[in-house]
């Protein structure tokens, strides 16, 4: 099977009418995008490499889902509505069964968010997936990293740390019973991009970022762009670990330090960390409810730079943790 047959069989969706936002997609030298009047384009790009971002044994359906999900998460952090994406795919071989499953997982998530494949490229090489995603946001309403102000609340969507727990089980450093491992593995391999929440937070949140490399590091990026710092409550952060309570009930709870490390610096979560003025608490909770996304307040923004972590007694915890860095 040649390159163009591969594209035609697995990525060209015949009989699908052009959308108003993507009047021309796969098949020409360039795609044509048409954002709604009064909107700006939001663009993001992420690359996934086998052995670096995903295990070689991962189900290709889940990999197709995750490849797009990590990009949609960036649009969510901007408060943007997805429009389209491009796919650059390097493959060691044209494995038809793998391609069928990968494209099914990819398009299932794309269709759920009305996001059209608009083009891309394929080549032979070590397995690598690079997606560029395009969204739209009303002019001047994009959520940015630079808007946090002293006194704002710090919030996180969904759960954190479960993906890292699953990774440590794969690495053999931790053990979890199947009933706890499988949901953690689901979080690692099929993250949920918080697209609806991001749009619901426009005009409510003061700043936002997607949590991909670990809460401390990603929140640190937001705070540096905002010229601020923050104080976080360790007890509130620990509640973000979804498997914590069922693990405790099953007597399989990891060491508290491991739990906190996974939550604060585990990465691969694809949740939103965001800030909002205290007077918007009810609005934040309403946005979470409307989008079907749990939201948890875990701290406050400070005028003093840096991140501080407090225990249940209000004492400072020294946590020399840092988030994932490809070149560290």
C-alpha atoms as a PDB file:
ATOM      1  CA  UNK A   1       0.000   0.000   0.000  1.00  0.00           C
ATOM      2  CA  UNK A   2       1.461   3.329  -1.087  1.00  0.00           C
ATOM      3  CA  UNK A   3       1.329   6.698   0.650  1.00  0.00           C
ATOM      4  CA  UNK A   4      -1.594   8.099  -1.302  1.00  0.00           C
ATOM      5  CA  UNK A   5      -3.641   4.927  -1.055  1.00  0.00           C
ATOM      6  CA  UNK A   6      -3.019   5.005   2.701  1.00  0.00           C
ATOM      7  CA  UNK A   7      -4.370   8.562   2.925  1.00  0.00           C
ATOM      8  CA  UNK A   8      -7.292   7.736   0.666  1.00  0.00           C
ATOM      9  CA  UNK A   9      -8.322   4.619   2.626  1.00  0.00           C
ATOM     10  CA  UNK A  10      -7.908   5.797   6.190  1.00  0.00           C
ATOM     11  CA  UNK A  11      -8.026   9.598   6.275  1.00  0.00           C
ATOM     12  CA  UNK A  12     -10.110  10.821   3.311  1.00  0.00           C
ATOM     13  CA  UNK A  13     -13.742  10.763   4.424  1.00  0.00           C
ATOM     14  CA  UNK A  14     -15.674  10.530   1.164  1.00  0.00           C
ATOM     15  CA  UNK A  15     -19.205  11.855   0.928  1.00  0.00           C
ATOM     16  CA  UNK A  16     -18.688  14.201   3.862  1.00  0.00           C
ATOM     17  CA  UNK A  17     -19.949  17.681   2.947  1.00  0.00           C
ATOM     18  CA  UNK A  18     -17.678  20.654   3.443  1.00  0.00           C
ATOM     19  CA  UNK A  19     -18.398  22.611   6.607  1.00  0.00           C
ATOM     20  CA  UNK A  20     -18.841  26.364   6.807  1.00  0.00           C
ATOM     21  CA  UNK A  21     -15.636  26.592   8.852  1.00  0.00           C
ATOM     22  CA  UNK A  22     -13.586  24.288   6.566  1.00  0.00           C
ATOM     23  CA  UNK A  23     -14.758  24.866   2.981  1.00  0.00           C
ATOM     24  CA  UNK A  24     -11.755  22.954   1.594  1.00  0.00           C
ATOM     25  CA  UNK A  25     -10.007  20.144   3.423  1.00  0.00           C
ATOM     26  CA  UNK A  26      -7.984  17.043   2.527  1.00  0.00           C
ATOM     27  CA  UNK A  27      -6.932  16.733  -1.114  1.00  0.00           C
ATOM     28  CA  UNK A  28      -5.401  20.066  -2.103  1.00  0.00           C
ATOM     29  CA  UNK A  29      -2.061  21.734  -1.413  1.00  0.00           C
ATOM     30  CA  UNK A  30      -3.659  23.893   1.282  1.00  0.00           C
ATOM     31  CA  UNK A  31      -6.811  23.720   3.335  1.00  0.00           C
ATOM     32  CA  UNK A  32      -9.128  26.712   3.549  1.00  0.00           C
ATOM     33  CA  UNK A  33     -10.490  27.765   6.940  1.00  0.00           C
ATOM     34  CA  UNK A  34     -13.223  30.348   7.475  1.00  0.00           C
ATOM     35  CA  UNK A  35     -13.621  31.435  11.122  1.00  0.00           C
ATOM     36  CA  UNK A  36     -16.925  33.030  12.068  1.00  0.00           C
ATOM     37  CA  UNK A  37     -17.181  36.828  11.719  1.00  0.00           C
ATOM     38  CA  UNK A  38     -15.843  38.630  14.770  1.00  0.00           C
ATOM     39  CA  UNK A  39     -13.659  35.677  15.824  1.00  0.00           C
ATOM     40  CA  UNK A  40      -9.926  35.041  15.984  1.00  0.00           C
ATOM     41  CA  UNK A  41      -8.108  31.838  15.072  1.00  0.00           C
ATOM     42  CA  UNK A  42      -6.520  29.873  17.913  1.00  0.00           C
ATOM     43  CA  UNK A  43      -3.729  27.546  16.740  1.00  0.00           C
ATOM     44  CA  UNK A  44      -1.715  24.928  18.636  1.00  0.00           C
ATOM     45  CA  UNK A  45       0.625  22.072  17.731  1.00  0.00           C
ATOM     46  CA  UNK A  46       1.738  18.973  19.653  1.00  0.00           C
ATOM     47  CA  UNK A  47       3.972  16.050  18.728  1.00  0.00           C
ATOM     48  CA  UNK A  48       3.795  12.535  20.194  1.00  0.00           C
ATOM     49  CA  UNK A  49       6.758  10.157  19.849  1.00  0.00           C
ATOM     50  CA  UNK A  50       6.692   6.438  20.577  1.00  0.00           C
ATOM     51  CA  UNK A  51       8.716   5.666  23.699  1.00  0.00           C
ATOM     52  CA  UNK A  52       8.647   9.296  24.795  1.00  0.00           C
ATOM     53  CA  UNK A  53       4.933  10.135  24.951  1.00  0.00           C
ATOM     54  CA  UNK A  54       3.275   6.741  24.645  1.00  0.00           C
ATOM     55  CA  UNK A  55       4.101   3.072  25.093  1.00  0.00           C
ATOM     56  CA  UNK A  56       4.577   0.828  22.077  1.00  0.00           C
ATOM     57  CA  UNK A  57       1.867  -1.481  23.443  1.00  0.00           C
ATOM     58  CA  UNK A  58      -0.894   1.146  23.541  1.00  0.00           C
ATOM     59  CA  UNK A  59      -4.147   0.353  21.733  1.00  0.00           C
ATOM     60  CA  UNK A  60      -4.021   2.377  18.477  1.00  0.00           C
ATOM     61  CA  UNK A  61      -7.638   3.476  18.988  1.00  0.00           C
ATOM     62  CA  UNK A  62      -6.637   5.055  22.270  1.00  0.00           C
ATOM     63  CA  UNK A  63      -3.562   6.556  20.661  1.00  0.00           C
ATOM     64  CA  UNK A  64      -5.687   8.163  17.939  1.00  0.00           C
ATOM     65  CA  UNK A  65      -7.914   9.634  20.632  1.00  0.00           C
ATOM     66  CA  UNK A  66      -5.010  10.931  22.722  1.00  0.00           C
ATOM     67  CA  UNK A  67      -3.150  12.422  19.757  1.00  0.00           C
ATOM     68  CA  UNK A  68      -6.058  14.778  19.120  1.00  0.00           C
ATOM     69  CA  UNK A  69      -7.099  15.172  22.768  1.00  0.00           C
ATOM     70  CA  UNK A  70      -3.801  16.749  23.819  1.00  0.00           C
ATOM     71  CA  UNK A  71      -4.264  19.403  21.136  1.00  0.00           C
ATOM     72  CA  UNK A  72      -7.918  20.031  21.948  1.00  0.00           C
ATOM     73  CA  UNK A  73      -6.817  20.582  25.537  1.00  0.00           C
ATOM     74  CA  UNK A  74      -4.760  23.572  24.374  1.00  0.00           C
ATOM     75  CA  UNK A  75      -7.815  25.015  22.637  1.00  0.00           C
ATOM     76  CA  UNK A  76      -9.777  24.471  25.848  1.00  0.00           C
ATOM     77  CA  UNK A  77      -7.203  26.464  27.817  1.00  0.00           C
ATOM     78  CA  UNK A  78      -7.728  29.337  25.382  1.00  0.00           C
ATOM     79  CA  UNK A  79     -11.525  29.116  25.562  1.00  0.00           C
ATOM     80  CA  UNK A  80     -11.680  28.285  21.855  1.00  0.00           C
ATOM     81  CA  UNK A  81     -14.158  26.201  19.864  1.00  0.00           C
ATOM     82  CA  UNK A  82     -12.459  23.541  17.687  1.00  0.00           C
ATOM     83  CA  UNK A  83     -12.658  23.957  13.907  1.00  0.00           C
ATOM     84  CA  UNK A  84     -10.104  21.732  12.188  1.00  0.00           C
ATOM     85  CA  UNK A  85      -6.774  19.943  12.490  1.00  0.00           C
ATOM     86  CA  UNK A  86      -3.916  18.691  10.358  1.00  0.00           C
ATOM     87  CA  UNK A  87      -2.114  15.386  10.872  1.00  0.00           C
ATOM     88  CA  UNK A  88       1.545  14.649  10.120  1.00  0.00           C
ATOM     89  CA  UNK A  89       2.220  10.945  10.602  1.00  0.00           C
ATOM     90  CA  UNK A  90       5.509   9.049  10.423  1.00  0.00           C
ATOM     91  CA  UNK A  91       5.024   5.259  10.262  1.00  0.00           C
ATOM     92  CA  UNK A  92       7.565   2.436  10.313  1.00  0.00           C
ATOM     93  CA  UNK A  93       5.209   0.457   8.038  1.00  0.00           C
ATOM     94  CA  UNK A  94       1.754   0.778   6.476  1.00  0.00           C
ATOM     95  CA  UNK A  95       0.012  -1.561   8.938  1.00  0.00           C
ATOM     96  CA  UNK A  96      -3.620  -1.626   7.802  1.00  0.00           C
ATOM     97  CA  UNK A  97      -5.084  -2.954  11.063  1.00  0.00           C
ATOM     98  CA  UNK A  98      -3.158  -0.351  13.074  1.00  0.00           C
ATOM     99  CA  UNK A  99      -4.206   2.471  10.738  1.00  0.00           C
ATOM    100  CA  UNK A 100      -7.870   1.439  10.822  1.00  0.00           C
ATOM    101  CA  UNK A 101      -7.947   1.446  14.624  1.00  0.00           C
ATOM    102  CA  UNK A 102      -5.908   4.667  14.937  1.00  0.00           C
ATOM    103  CA  UNK A 103      -8.108   6.573  12.509  1.00  0.00           C
ATOM    104  CA  UNK A 104     -11.271   5.295  14.232  1.00  0.00           C
ATOM    105  CA  UNK A 105     -10.102   6.608  17.598  1.00  0.00           C
ATOM    106  CA  UNK A 106      -8.976   9.878  16.025  1.00  0.00           C
ATOM    107  CA  UNK A 107     -12.205  10.554  14.156  1.00  0.00           C
ATOM    108  CA  UNK A 108     -14.471   9.514  17.033  1.00  0.00           C
ATOM    109  CA  UNK A 109     -13.057  12.352  19.151  1.00  0.00           C
ATOM    110  CA  UNK A 110     -12.911  14.736  16.183  1.00  0.00           C
ATOM    111  CA  UNK A 111     -16.592  14.177  15.421  1.00  0.00           C
ATOM    112  CA  UNK A 112     -17.534  14.625  19.084  1.00  0.00           C
ATOM    113  CA  UNK A 113     -16.063  18.134  18.918  1.00  0.00           C
ATOM    114  CA  UNK A 114     -16.978  19.063  15.345  1.00  0.00           C
ATOM    115  CA  UNK A 115     -13.306  19.231  14.385  1.00  0.00           C
ATOM    116  CA  UNK A 116     -12.489  18.393  10.744  1.00  0.00           C
ATOM    117  CA  UNK A 117      -9.288  16.834   9.407  1.00  0.00           C
ATOM    118  CA  UNK A 118      -8.118  19.471   6.919  1.00  0.00           C
ATOM    119  CA  UNK A 119      -4.865  17.959   5.630  1.00  0.00           C
ATOM    120  CA  UNK A 120      -1.388  16.818   6.635  1.00  0.00           C
ATOM    121  CA  UNK A 121       1.441  14.550   5.546  1.00  0.00           C
ATOM    122  CA  UNK A 122       2.642  10.956   5.849  1.00  0.00           C
ATOM    123  CA  UNK A 123       6.124   9.475   5.636  1.00  0.00           C
ATOM    124  CA  UNK A 124       8.074   6.376   6.614  1.00  0.00           C
ATOM    125  CA  UNK A 125      10.063   6.566   9.835  1.00  0.00           C
ATOM    126  CA  UNK A 126       9.920   5.899  13.585  1.00  0.00           C
ATOM    127  CA  UNK A 127       6.336   6.238  14.802  1.00  0.00           C
ATOM    128  CA  UNK A 128       5.587   9.922  15.386  1.00  0.00           C
ATOM    129  CA  UNK A 129       2.334  11.876  15.358  1.00  0.00           C
ATOM    130  CA  UNK A 130       2.166  15.637  14.967  1.00  0.00           C
ATOM    131  CA  UNK A 131      -1.186  17.419  15.019  1.00  0.00           C
ATOM    132  CA  UNK A 132      -1.876  21.103  14.531  1.00  0.00           C
ATOM    133  CA  UNK A 133      -5.318  22.168  15.695  1.00  0.00           C
ATOM    134  CA  UNK A 134      -7.303  25.265  14.777  1.00  0.00           C
ATOM    135  CA  UNK A 135     -10.098  26.830  16.767  1.00  0.00           C
ATOM    136  CA  UNK A 136     -11.994  30.078  16.988  1.00  0.00           C
ATOM    137  CA  UNK A 137     -12.699  32.413  19.864  1.00  0.00           C
ATOM    138  CA  UNK A 138     -14.659  35.689  19.931  1.00  0.00           C
ATOM    139  CA  UNK A 139     -12.303  38.578  19.314  1.00  0.00           C
ATOM    140  CA  UNK A 140     -10.734  39.783  22.565  1.00  0.00           C
ATOM    141  CA  UNK A 141     -12.220  36.951  24.672  1.00  0.00           C
ATOM    142  CA  UNK A 142      -9.428  34.357  24.556  1.00  0.00           C
ATOM    143  CA  UNK A 143      -8.265  33.012  27.915  1.00  0.00           C
ATOM    144  CA  UNK A 144      -4.570  33.819  28.356  1.00  0.00           C
ATOM    145  CA  UNK A 145      -1.847  32.945  30.857  1.00  0.00           C
ATOM    146  CA  UNK A 146      -1.177  36.567  31.678  1.00  0.00           C
ATOM    147  CA  UNK A 147      -4.336  37.690  33.479  1.00  0.00           C
ATOM    148  CA  UNK A 148      -3.966  36.293  37.027  1.00  0.00           C
ATOM    149  CA  UNK A 149      -3.997  38.902  39.782  1.00  0.00           C
ATOM    150  CA  UNK A 150      -3.229  38.808  43.507  1.00  0.00           C
ATOM    151  CA  UNK A 151      -6.292  37.651  45.426  1.00  0.00           C
ATOM    152  CA  UNK A 152      -7.633  35.449  42.628  1.00  0.00           C
ATOM    153  CA  UNK A 153      -8.578  31.853  43.438  1.00  0.00           C
ATOM    154  CA  UNK A 154      -6.597  29.008  41.855  1.00  0.00           C
ATOM    155  CA  UNK A 155      -8.799  26.257  40.404  1.00  0.00           C
ATOM    156  CA  UNK A 156      -8.204  22.904  38.698  1.00  0.00           C
ATOM    157  CA  UNK A 157     -10.641  20.882  36.595  1.00  0.00           C
ATOM    158  CA  UNK A 158     -11.219  17.141  36.874  1.00  0.00           C
ATOM    159  CA  UNK A 159      -8.520  15.005  38.484  1.00  0.00           C
ATOM    160  CA  UNK A 160      -4.727  15.038  38.552  1.00  0.00           C
ATOM    161  CA  UNK A 161      -2.087  12.374  39.129  1.00  0.00           C
ATOM    162  CA  UNK A 162      -3.926   9.260  37.998  1.00  0.00           C
ATOM    163  CA  UNK A 163      -2.115   9.076  34.664  1.00  0.00           C
ATOM    164  CA  UNK A 164       1.228   9.166  36.469  1.00  0.00           C
ATOM    165  CA  UNK A 165       0.108   6.392  38.819  1.00  0.00           C
ATOM    166  CA  UNK A 166      -0.697   4.233  35.796  1.00  0.00           C
ATOM    167  CA  UNK A 167       2.706   4.993  34.272  1.00  0.00           C
ATOM    168  CA  UNK A 168       4.452   3.944  37.492  1.00  0.00           C
ATOM    169  CA  UNK A 169       2.509   0.675  37.452  1.00  0.00           C
ATOM    170  CA  UNK A 170       3.744   0.078  33.892  1.00  0.00           C
ATOM    171  CA  UNK A 171       7.269   0.878  35.060  1.00  0.00           C
ATOM    172  CA  UNK A 172       6.948  -1.574  37.946  1.00  0.00           C
ATOM    173  CA  UNK A 173       7.549   0.964  40.711  1.00  0.00           C
ATOM    174  CA  UNK A 174       3.955   0.753  42.030  1.00  0.00           C
ATOM    175  CA  UNK A 175       1.245  -1.859  42.247  1.00  0.00           C
ATOM    176  CA  UNK A 176      -2.511  -1.289  42.024  1.00  0.00           C
ATOM    177  CA  UNK A 177      -5.339  -3.830  41.879  1.00  0.00           C
ATOM    178  CA  UNK A 178      -7.030  -4.051  38.441  1.00  0.00           C
ATOM    179  CA  UNK A 179     -10.141  -2.209  39.653  1.00  0.00           C
ATOM    180  CA  UNK A 180      -7.976   0.836  40.414  1.00  0.00           C
ATOM    181  CA  UNK A 181      -5.376   0.457  37.694  1.00  0.00           C
ATOM    182  CA  UNK A 182      -7.844   0.392  34.789  1.00  0.00           C
ATOM    183  CA  UNK A 183      -9.427   3.806  35.505  1.00  0.00           C
ATOM    184  CA  UNK A 184      -5.951   5.286  36.029  1.00  0.00           C
ATOM    185  CA  UNK A 185      -4.829   3.752  32.743  1.00  0.00           C
ATOM    186  CA  UNK A 186      -7.916   5.213  31.055  1.00  0.00           C
ATOM    187  CA  UNK A 187      -6.863   8.663  32.261  1.00  0.00           C
ATOM    188  CA  UNK A 188      -3.371   8.079  30.888  1.00  0.00           C
ATOM    189  CA  UNK A 189      -4.406   6.738  27.484  1.00  0.00           C
ATOM    190  CA  UNK A 190      -7.744   8.509  26.851  1.00  0.00           C
ATOM    191  CA  UNK A 191      -7.628  11.954  28.481  1.00  0.00           C
ATOM    192  CA  UNK A 192     -10.704  14.169  28.317  1.00  0.00           C
ATOM    193  CA  UNK A 193     -10.063  17.610  26.787  1.00  0.00           C
ATOM    194  CA  UNK A 194     -12.099  20.172  28.746  1.00  0.00           C
ATOM    195  CA  UNK A 195     -13.303  22.049  25.681  1.00  0.00           C
ATOM    196  CA  UNK A 196     -16.788  22.886  26.977  1.00  0.00           C
ATOM    197  CA  UNK A 197     -15.406  24.142  30.297  1.00  0.00           C
ATOM    198  CA  UNK A 198     -12.877  26.379  28.569  1.00  0.00           C
ATOM    199  CA  UNK A 199     -15.608  28.075  26.562  1.00  0.00           C
ATOM    200  CA  UNK A 200     -17.825  28.383  29.648  1.00  0.00           C
ATOM    201  CA  UNK A 201     -14.995  30.147  31.523  1.00  0.00           C
ATOM    202  CA  UNK A 202     -14.705  33.017  29.029  1.00  0.00           C
ATOM    203  CA  UNK A 203     -15.411  36.226  30.877  1.00  0.00           C
ATOM    204  CA  UNK A 204     -15.119  34.425  34.244  1.00  0.00           C
ATOM    205  CA  UNK A 205     -11.550  33.127  34.522  1.00  0.00           C
ATOM    206  CA  UNK A 206      -8.734  35.661  34.634  1.00  0.00           C
ATOM    207  CA  UNK A 207      -6.088  33.247  33.275  1.00  0.00           C
ATOM    208  CA  UNK A 208      -5.841  29.593  32.228  1.00  0.00           C
ATOM    209  CA  UNK A 209      -3.387  26.912  31.120  1.00  0.00           C
ATOM    210  CA  UNK A 210      -3.652  23.264  30.209  1.00  0.00           C
ATOM    211  CA  UNK A 211      -1.928  20.880  32.635  1.00  0.00           C
ATOM    212  CA  UNK A 212       0.177  18.575  30.487  1.00  0.00           C
ATOM    213  CA  UNK A 213       3.624  18.507  32.125  1.00  0.00           C
ATOM    214  CA  UNK A 214       2.559  18.688  35.785  1.00  0.00           C
ATOM    215  CA  UNK A 215       0.584  21.169  37.878  1.00  0.00           C
ATOM    216  CA  UNK A 216       3.531  22.938  39.525  1.00  0.00           C
ATOM    217  CA  UNK A 217       5.379  23.560  36.296  1.00  0.00           C
ATOM    218  CA  UNK A 218       2.383  24.530  34.195  1.00  0.00           C
ATOM    219  CA  UNK A 219       0.866  26.744  36.871  1.00  0.00           C
ATOM    220  CA  UNK A 220       4.320  28.264  37.251  1.00  0.00           C
ATOM    221  CA  UNK A 221       4.261  29.226  33.547  1.00  0.00           C
ATOM    222  CA  UNK A 222       0.918  30.976  34.070  1.00  0.00           C
ATOM    223  CA  UNK A 223       2.136  32.830  37.154  1.00  0.00           C
ATOM    224  CA  UNK A 224       5.338  34.014  35.492  1.00  0.00           C
ATOM    225  CA  UNK A 225       3.347  35.381  32.557  1.00  0.00           C
ATOM    226  CA  UNK A 226       1.063  37.124  35.059  1.00  0.00           C
ATOM    227  CA  UNK A 227       3.910  38.469  37.202  1.00  0.00           C
ATOM    228  CA  UNK A 228       2.470  36.803  40.305  1.00  0.00           C
ATOM    229  CA  UNK A 229       2.893  33.859  42.679  1.00  0.00           C
ATOM    230  CA  UNK A 230       0.507  31.494  44.463  1.00  0.00           C
ATOM    231  CA  UNK A 231      -0.109  29.562  47.646  1.00  0.00           C
ATOM    232  CA  UNK A 232      -1.586  26.077  47.251  1.00  0.00           C
ATOM    233  CA  UNK A 233      -3.231  23.844  49.854  1.00  0.00           C
ATOM    234  CA  UNK A 234      -1.745  20.330  49.828  1.00  0.00           C
ATOM    235  CA  UNK A 235      -4.901  18.754  51.281  1.00  0.00           C
ATOM    236  CA  UNK A 236      -7.066  20.234  48.528  1.00  0.00           C
ATOM    237  CA  UNK A 237      -4.553  19.148  45.894  1.00  0.00           C
ATOM    238  CA  UNK A 238      -4.541  15.555  47.166  1.00  0.00           C
ATOM    239  CA  UNK A 239      -8.306  15.367  46.675  1.00  0.00           C
ATOM    240  CA  UNK A 240      -7.653  15.749  42.941  1.00  0.00           C
ATOM    241  CA  UNK A 241      -6.296  12.172  42.779  1.00  0.00           C
ATOM    242  CA  UNK A 242      -9.370  10.275  41.577  1.00  0.00           C
ATOM    243  CA  UNK A 243      -8.258   6.823  42.773  1.00  0.00           C
ATOM    244  CA  UNK A 244      -7.357   8.082  46.253  1.00  0.00           C
ATOM    245  CA  UNK A 245     -10.570   7.226  48.083  1.00  0.00           C
ATOM    246  CA  UNK A 246     -11.264   3.879  46.394  1.00  0.00           C
ATOM    247  CA  UNK A 247      -7.591   2.963  46.925  1.00  0.00           C
ATOM    248  CA  UNK A 248      -7.866   3.801  50.614  1.00  0.00           C
ATOM    249  CA  UNK A 249     -11.019   1.671  50.898  1.00  0.00           C
ATOM    250  CA  UNK A 250      -9.230  -1.218  49.185  1.00  0.00           C
ATOM    251  CA  UNK A 251      -6.134  -0.847  51.362  1.00  0.00           C
ATOM    252  CA  UNK A 252      -4.015  -0.072  48.291  1.00  0.00           C
ATOM    253  CA  UNK A 253      -3.302   3.591  48.869  1.00  0.00           C
ATOM    254  CA  UNK A 254       0.204   4.624  47.756  1.00  0.00           C
ATOM    255  CA  UNK A 255       2.509   6.482  50.130  1.00  0.00           C
ATOM    256  CA  UNK A 256       1.253  10.068  50.741  1.00  0.00           C
ATOM    257  CA  UNK A 257       4.431  11.521  49.267  1.00  0.00           C
ATOM    258  CA  UNK A 258       3.923   9.467  46.096  1.00  0.00           C
ATOM    259  CA  UNK A 259       0.338  10.687  45.880  1.00  0.00           C
ATOM    260  CA  UNK A 260       1.361  14.309  46.216  1.00  0.00           C
ATOM    261  CA  UNK A 261       4.215  13.911  43.744  1.00  0.00           C
ATOM    262  CA  UNK A 262       1.800  12.437  41.165  1.00  0.00           C
ATOM    263  CA  UNK A 263      -0.702  15.254  41.658  1.00  0.00           C
ATOM    264  CA  UNK A 264       1.799  18.106  41.644  1.00  0.00           C
ATOM    265  CA  UNK A 265       4.313  16.942  39.052  1.00  0.00           C
ATOM    266  CA  UNK A 266       2.958  13.777  37.427  1.00  0.00           C
ATOM    267  CA  UNK A 267       1.921  15.222  34.075  1.00  0.00           C
ATOM    268  CA  UNK A 268      -0.176  13.753  31.246  1.00  0.00           C
ATOM    269  CA  UNK A 269      -3.368  15.039  32.908  1.00  0.00           C
ATOM    270  CA  UNK A 270      -4.730  17.435  30.251  1.00  0.00           C
ATOM    271  CA  UNK A 271      -6.885  19.283  32.748  1.00  0.00           C
ATOM    272  CA  UNK A 272      -7.226  23.047  33.088  1.00  0.00           C
ATOM    273  CA  UNK A 273      -5.581  25.101  35.813  1.00  0.00           C
ATOM    274  CA  UNK A 274      -7.123  28.547  35.962  1.00  0.00           C
ATOM    275  CA  UNK A 275      -7.574  31.595  38.140  1.00  0.00           C
ATOM    276  CA  UNK A 276     -10.647  33.696  38.837  1.00  0.00           C
ATOM    277  CA  UNK A 277     -11.587  36.518  41.208  1.00  0.00           C
ATOM    278  CA  UNK A 278     -13.257  35.324  44.447  1.00  0.00           C
ATOM    279  CA  UNK A 279     -16.512  37.041  43.483  1.00  0.00           C
ATOM    280  CA  UNK A 280     -16.735  34.641  40.527  1.00  0.00           C
ATOM    281  CA  UNK A 281     -16.779  31.462  42.626  1.00  0.00           C
ATOM    282  CA  UNK A 282     -20.444  30.760  41.985  1.00  0.00           C
ATOM    283  CA  UNK A 283     -19.942  31.438  38.264  1.00  0.00           C
ATOM    284  CA  UNK A 284     -16.957  29.058  38.129  1.00  0.00           C
ATOM    285  CA  UNK A 285     -18.972  26.319  39.820  1.00  0.00           C
ATOM    286  CA  UNK A 286     -21.866  26.960  37.441  1.00  0.00           C
ATOM    287  CA  UNK A 287     -19.483  26.713  34.451  1.00  0.00           C
ATOM    288  CA  UNK A 288     -18.218  23.393  35.788  1.00  0.00           C
ATOM    289  CA  UNK A 289     -21.742  22.087  36.266  1.00  0.00           C
ATOM    290  CA  UNK A 290     -22.886  23.278  32.826  1.00  0.00           C
ATOM    291  CA  UNK A 291     -19.929  21.542  31.144  1.00  0.00           C
ATOM    292  CA  UNK A 292     -20.167  18.389  33.277  1.00  0.00           C
ATOM    293  CA  UNK A 293     -16.692  18.997  34.681  1.00  0.00           C
ATOM    294  CA  UNK A 294     -15.730  18.932  38.372  1.00  0.00           C
ATOM    295  CA  UNK A 295     -13.782  22.019  39.447  1.00  0.00           C
ATOM    296  CA  UNK A 296     -11.766  22.319  42.679  1.00  0.00           C
ATOM    297  CA  UNK A 297     -10.383  25.437  44.331  1.00  0.00           C
ATOM    298  CA  UNK A 298      -6.864  24.670  45.600  1.00  0.00           C
ATOM    299  CA  UNK A 299      -5.297  28.002  46.515  1.00  0.00           C
ATOM    300  CA  UNK A 300      -4.900  31.696  45.853  1.00  0.00           C
ATOM    301  CA  UNK A 301      -2.780  33.995  43.722  1.00  0.00           C
ATOM    302  CA  UNK A 302      -0.218  36.107  45.612  1.00  0.00           C
ATOM    303  CA  UNK A 303       1.573  39.308  44.699  1.00  0.00           C
ATOM    304  CA  UNK A 304       4.874  37.701  45.780  1.00  0.00           C
ATOM    305  CA  UNK A 305       6.411  35.569  43.001  1.00  0.00           C
ATOM    306  CA  UNK A 306       6.901  31.836  43.480  1.00  0.00           C
ATOM    307  CA  UNK A 307       4.763  28.844  44.461  1.00  0.00           C
ATOM    308  CA  UNK A 308       4.158  27.995  48.112  1.00  0.00           C
ATOM    309  CA  UNK A 309       2.563  24.772  49.387  1.00  0.00           C
ATOM    310  CA  UNK A 310       0.854  24.573  52.785  1.00  0.00           C
ATOM    311  CA  UNK A 311      -0.071  21.476  54.814  1.00  0.00           C
ATOM    312  CA  UNK A 312      -3.368  21.053  56.688  1.00  0.00           C
ATOM    313  CA  UNK A 313      -1.977  23.051  59.631  1.00  0.00           C
ATOM    314  CA  UNK A 314      -0.994  25.939  57.383  1.00  0.00           C
ATOM    315  CA  UNK A 315       2.717  25.157  57.596  1.00  0.00           C
ATOM    316  CA  UNK A 316       4.942  25.447  54.559  1.00  0.00           C
ATOM    317  CA  UNK A 317       5.941  22.231  52.808  1.00  0.00           C
ATOM    318  CA  UNK A 318       9.235  22.070  50.984  1.00  0.00           C
ATOM    319  CA  UNK A 319       8.575  20.288  47.692  1.00  0.00           C
ATOM    320  CA  UNK A 320      11.579  20.427  45.356  1.00  0.00           C
ATOM    321  CA  UNK A 321       9.475  19.137  42.486  1.00  0.00           C
ATOM    322  CA  UNK A 322       9.518  20.209  38.896  1.00  0.00           C
ATOM    323  CA  UNK A 323       7.450  19.281  35.910  1.00  0.00           C
ATOM    324  CA  UNK A 324       8.457  17.261  32.893  1.00  0.00           C
ATOM    325  CA  UNK A 325      11.085  18.844  30.628  1.00  0.00           C
ATOM    326  CA  UNK A 326      12.161  17.132  27.405  1.00  0.00           C
ATOM    327  CA  UNK A 327      15.692  18.508  27.674  1.00  0.00           C
ATOM    328  CA  UNK A 328      16.295  18.480  31.421  1.00  0.00           C
END
